[in-house]
N, C-alpha and C. Protein backbone atom coordinates (compact mmCIF):
# COMPACT_ATOMS: atom_id res chain seq x y z
N MET A 1 19.64 16.33 -3.17
CA MET A 1 19.54 17.19 -1.34
C MET A 1 18.07 16.03 -1.02
N ARG A 2 18.20 15.53 0.24
CA ARG A 2 16.76 14.68 0.07
C ARG A 2 16.45 16.13 1.24
N TYR A 3 15.08 16.14 1.01
CA TYR A 3 13.45 17.17 2.00
C TYR A 3 13.82 16.53 3.29
N LEU A 4 14.48 17.06 4.16
CA LEU A 4 14.36 16.79 5.68
C LEU A 4 13.34 17.80 6.23
N PRO A 5 12.53 18.08 6.24
CA PRO A 5 11.90 19.36 6.91
C PRO A 5 11.85 19.49 8.32
N LEU A 6 12.08 18.25 8.85
CA LEU A 6 12.01 17.96 10.85
C LEU A 6 13.51 18.25 11.21
N THR A 7 13.81 18.32 12.58
CA THR A 7 15.42 18.53 13.12
C THR A 7 15.19 17.59 13.94
N ASP A 8 16.12 16.74 14.35
CA ASP A 8 15.67 16.02 15.75
C ASP A 8 15.20 16.87 16.91
N THR A 9 15.64 17.91 16.75
CA THR A 9 14.88 18.64 17.66
C THR A 9 13.20 19.29 18.07
N ASP A 10 13.04 19.26 16.49
CA ASP A 10 11.72 19.09 16.24
C ASP A 10 10.85 17.88 16.36
N ARG A 11 11.23 16.67 16.05
CA ARG A 11 11.03 15.52 16.16
C ARG A 11 10.52 14.94 17.64
N GLN A 12 11.69 14.91 18.30
CA GLN A 12 11.69 15.04 20.46
C GLN A 12 10.81 16.13 20.44
N ALA A 13 10.44 17.34 20.32
CA ALA A 13 9.35 18.56 20.76
C ALA A 13 8.03 17.44 20.32
N MET A 14 7.74 17.21 19.61
CA MET A 14 6.33 16.39 18.69
C MET A 14 6.30 14.92 19.69
N LEU A 15 7.32 14.17 19.84
CA LEU A 15 7.46 12.87 20.51
C LEU A 15 6.77 13.18 22.09
N GLY A 16 7.82 14.21 22.34
CA GLY A 16 7.29 14.78 24.16
C GLY A 16 5.59 15.19 24.17
N VAL A 17 5.31 15.65 23.43
CA VAL A 17 3.27 16.15 23.77
C VAL A 17 3.33 14.59 23.65
N ILE A 18 3.19 13.34 22.98
CA ILE A 18 2.43 12.57 22.73
C ILE A 18 2.73 11.53 23.69
N GLY A 19 3.51 12.13 24.24
CA GLY A 19 4.52 11.34 25.47
C GLY A 19 5.49 9.79 25.16
N ALA A 20 5.54 10.27 24.41
CA ALA A 20 6.72 8.70 23.55
C ALA A 20 8.17 9.23 23.16
N SER A 21 8.91 8.34 23.77
CA SER A 21 10.38 8.36 24.01
C SER A 21 11.47 8.47 22.63
N SER A 22 10.59 7.90 21.14
CA SER A 22 11.11 7.29 20.59
C SER A 22 10.32 7.34 19.51
N ILE A 23 10.56 7.39 17.82
CA ILE A 23 9.53 6.66 16.67
C ILE A 23 9.15 5.31 17.02
N ASP A 24 10.27 4.64 17.75
CA ASP A 24 9.29 3.08 17.65
C ASP A 24 8.66 2.88 18.82
N ASP A 25 8.44 4.07 19.76
CA ASP A 25 7.75 3.74 20.94
C ASP A 25 6.22 3.51 20.23
N LEU A 26 6.26 4.30 18.62
CA LEU A 26 4.62 4.49 17.94
C LEU A 26 4.20 3.18 17.52
N PHE A 27 5.32 2.17 17.12
CA PHE A 27 4.87 1.36 16.78
C PHE A 27 4.76 -0.45 17.54
N VAL A 28 4.60 -0.02 19.15
CA VAL A 28 4.69 -1.18 19.91
C VAL A 28 3.46 -2.15 19.24
N ASP A 29 2.73 -1.50 19.13
CA ASP A 29 1.13 -2.22 18.66
C ASP A 29 0.93 -3.15 17.52
N VAL A 30 2.22 -2.95 16.76
CA VAL A 30 2.57 -3.56 15.27
C VAL A 30 3.17 -5.12 16.29
N PRO A 31 2.89 -6.25 15.82
CA PRO A 31 3.53 -7.10 16.30
C PRO A 31 5.07 -6.97 15.38
N GLU A 32 6.22 -7.80 16.19
CA GLU A 32 7.16 -7.75 15.68
C GLU A 32 7.04 -8.36 14.06
N ASP A 33 6.70 -9.47 14.10
CA ASP A 33 6.86 -9.85 12.65
C ASP A 33 5.89 -9.46 11.52
N ALA A 34 5.19 -8.71 11.83
CA ALA A 34 4.61 -7.75 10.94
C ALA A 34 5.30 -6.26 10.56
N ARG A 35 6.32 -6.34 11.24
CA ARG A 35 7.27 -5.00 10.69
C ARG A 35 8.06 -5.27 9.44
N GLN A 36 8.48 -4.28 8.54
CA GLN A 36 9.41 -4.55 7.90
C GLN A 36 10.70 -4.67 8.04
N LYS A 37 11.26 -5.24 7.88
CA LYS A 37 12.55 -6.33 8.00
C LYS A 37 13.92 -5.01 7.62
N GLY A 38 13.49 -4.79 6.91
CA GLY A 38 14.32 -3.81 5.59
C GLY A 38 14.19 -3.49 4.71
N PRO A 39 14.94 -2.79 3.98
CA PRO A 39 14.92 -2.06 2.78
C PRO A 39 13.38 -3.43 1.68
N ILE A 40 12.86 -2.46 1.43
CA ILE A 40 11.80 -3.66 0.06
C ILE A 40 12.76 -3.97 -1.26
N ALA A 41 13.08 -5.13 -1.76
CA ALA A 41 13.49 -5.84 -2.55
C ALA A 41 12.89 -5.30 -3.64
N GLY A 42 13.85 -4.92 -4.75
CA GLY A 42 13.70 -4.12 -6.27
C GLY A 42 13.34 -2.53 -5.62
N LEU A 43 13.29 -2.09 -5.10
CA LEU A 43 13.40 -0.47 -4.71
C LEU A 43 14.68 -0.08 -4.51
N PRO A 44 14.60 0.97 -5.13
CA PRO A 44 16.12 1.70 -4.73
C PRO A 44 15.75 2.42 -3.57
N MET A 45 16.92 2.62 -2.86
CA MET A 45 17.46 3.07 -1.17
C MET A 45 17.33 4.39 -1.71
N HIS A 46 16.52 5.47 -1.21
CA HIS A 46 16.26 6.95 -0.75
C HIS A 46 16.27 6.93 -2.58
N ALA A 47 14.61 6.62 -2.72
CA ALA A 47 13.96 7.22 -4.25
C ALA A 47 12.85 8.03 -3.94
N SER A 48 12.93 8.93 -4.92
CA SER A 48 12.03 9.92 -4.56
C SER A 48 10.58 9.17 -4.31
N GLU A 49 9.61 10.26 -4.01
CA GLU A 49 8.29 9.76 -4.02
C GLU A 49 7.96 9.33 -5.44
N MET A 50 8.35 10.38 -6.31
CA MET A 50 7.62 9.79 -7.71
C MET A 50 8.53 8.91 -8.57
N ALA A 51 9.50 8.20 -8.22
CA ALA A 51 10.14 6.95 -8.27
C ALA A 51 9.40 5.71 -7.66
N VAL A 52 8.83 6.13 -6.81
CA VAL A 52 8.55 5.07 -5.58
C VAL A 52 7.03 4.44 -6.33
N GLU A 53 5.99 5.75 -6.56
CA GLU A 53 4.80 5.81 -7.22
C GLU A 53 4.98 5.09 -8.94
N ARG A 54 5.85 5.19 -9.52
CA ARG A 54 5.76 4.54 -10.77
C ARG A 54 6.14 3.61 -10.58
N HIS A 55 7.02 2.92 -9.33
CA HIS A 55 7.50 1.77 -9.56
C HIS A 55 6.18 0.43 -9.36
N PHE A 56 5.41 1.52 -7.97
CA PHE A 56 4.49 0.74 -7.37
C PHE A 56 3.29 0.52 -8.68
N ALA A 57 2.90 1.51 -9.43
CA ALA A 57 1.92 1.39 -10.47
C ALA A 57 2.65 0.32 -11.43
N SER A 58 3.43 0.32 -11.94
CA SER A 58 3.96 -1.12 -13.01
C SER A 58 4.05 -1.94 -12.49
N LEU A 59 3.96 -1.95 -10.77
CA LEU A 59 3.76 -3.67 -10.44
C LEU A 59 2.44 -3.78 -10.72
N ALA A 60 1.47 -2.59 -10.62
CA ALA A 60 -0.36 -2.92 -10.14
C ALA A 60 -0.70 -3.43 -11.65
N ARG A 61 -0.14 -2.58 -12.53
CA ARG A 61 -0.25 -2.58 -13.94
C ARG A 61 -0.34 -4.57 -14.43
N LYS A 62 0.49 -5.19 -13.59
CA LYS A 62 0.95 -6.79 -13.63
C LYS A 62 -0.94 -7.36 -13.09
N ASN A 63 -1.64 -6.37 -12.60
CA ASN A 63 -2.32 -7.40 -11.68
C ASN A 63 -3.55 -7.56 -12.64
N LEU A 64 -4.19 -8.24 -13.15
CA LEU A 64 -5.15 -9.16 -14.02
C LEU A 64 -6.72 -9.59 -13.01
N ALA A 65 -7.59 -9.07 -13.84
CA ALA A 65 -9.17 -9.10 -12.86
C ALA A 65 -9.58 -10.06 -13.62
N ALA A 66 -10.44 -11.33 -12.56
CA ALA A 66 -10.74 -12.00 -13.56
C ALA A 66 -11.60 -11.68 -14.51
N GLY A 67 -12.49 -10.47 -14.64
CA GLY A 67 -13.59 -10.42 -15.75
C GLY A 67 -12.85 -9.29 -16.82
N ASP A 68 -11.66 -9.38 -16.86
CA ASP A 68 -11.21 -8.70 -18.16
C ASP A 68 -10.56 -9.59 -19.23
N HIS A 69 -10.45 -10.72 -18.68
CA HIS A 69 -9.57 -11.86 -19.18
C HIS A 69 -10.44 -13.06 -19.50
N PRO A 70 -10.53 -14.18 -20.24
CA PRO A 70 -10.67 -15.19 -20.30
C PRO A 70 -10.62 -16.06 -18.84
N PHE A 71 -11.57 -16.36 -18.07
CA PHE A 71 -11.51 -17.04 -16.94
C PHE A 71 -12.29 -18.51 -16.66
N PHE A 72 -12.16 -19.27 -16.64
CA PHE A 72 -12.56 -20.57 -16.87
C PHE A 72 -13.44 -21.46 -15.33
N LEU A 73 -13.00 -20.61 -14.51
CA LEU A 73 -12.96 -21.26 -13.07
C LEU A 73 -14.38 -21.10 -12.64
N GLY A 74 -15.55 -22.03 -12.36
CA GLY A 74 -16.74 -22.34 -12.58
C GLY A 74 -17.71 -23.03 -13.49
N ALA A 75 -17.16 -23.64 -14.41
CA ALA A 75 -17.10 -24.77 -14.83
C ALA A 75 -18.44 -24.48 -15.72
N GLY A 76 -18.16 -23.34 -16.78
CA GLY A 76 -19.15 -23.18 -17.25
C GLY A 76 -20.26 -21.94 -17.07
N ALA A 77 -20.31 -21.58 -15.77
CA ALA A 77 -21.01 -20.89 -15.13
C ALA A 77 -20.72 -19.23 -15.42
N TYR A 78 -21.39 -18.75 -16.45
CA TYR A 78 -21.02 -17.37 -16.88
C TYR A 78 -22.16 -16.33 -16.34
N LYS A 79 -21.86 -15.20 -16.74
CA LYS A 79 -22.90 -13.76 -16.22
C LYS A 79 -23.19 -14.05 -17.71
N HIS A 80 -24.86 -13.96 -17.57
CA HIS A 80 -25.74 -13.47 -18.50
C HIS A 80 -26.47 -12.92 -18.21
N HIS A 81 -27.06 -12.25 -19.40
CA HIS A 81 -28.04 -11.00 -19.24
C HIS A 81 -29.38 -11.73 -19.25
N VAL A 82 -29.76 -10.68 -18.26
CA VAL A 82 -31.62 -10.96 -17.72
C VAL A 82 -32.05 -10.14 -17.60
N PRO A 83 -33.06 -9.60 -19.01
CA PRO A 83 -33.87 -8.64 -19.11
C PRO A 83 -34.91 -8.55 -17.89
N LEU A 84 -35.06 -7.41 -17.54
CA LEU A 84 -36.27 -7.18 -16.31
C LEU A 84 -37.59 -6.86 -17.19
N ARG A 85 -38.86 -7.66 -16.63
CA ARG A 85 -39.97 -7.29 -17.44
C ARG A 85 -40.59 -6.25 -16.61
N SER A 86 -41.46 -5.48 -17.63
CA SER A 86 -41.85 -4.42 -17.30
C SER A 86 -43.32 -4.50 -16.20
N ILE A 87 -43.56 -3.80 -15.00
CA ILE A 87 -44.86 -3.97 -14.46
C ILE A 87 -45.58 -3.12 -14.72
N ILE A 88 -46.57 -3.24 -15.78
CA ILE A 88 -48.13 -2.71 -15.72
C ILE A 88 -49.16 -3.36 -15.97
């Protein structure tokens, strides 16, 4: 059973308070081409919050940071330790 805390009456009351007639009115400032057109590919429909979090965490683990792996861009310009001289 899905957890749906609001009834349609609740939603209409909240929209009425802010002067919107529908939830779509909340997104009028988002350009049409920037809006999600449908379900997210590879994500099961009606997945739980925990399932979605696990899915995106697994995707995030595939990201690589340049400093964590051999990185040859820069043609030999690497990080070097430069000791500071004490001022005395």
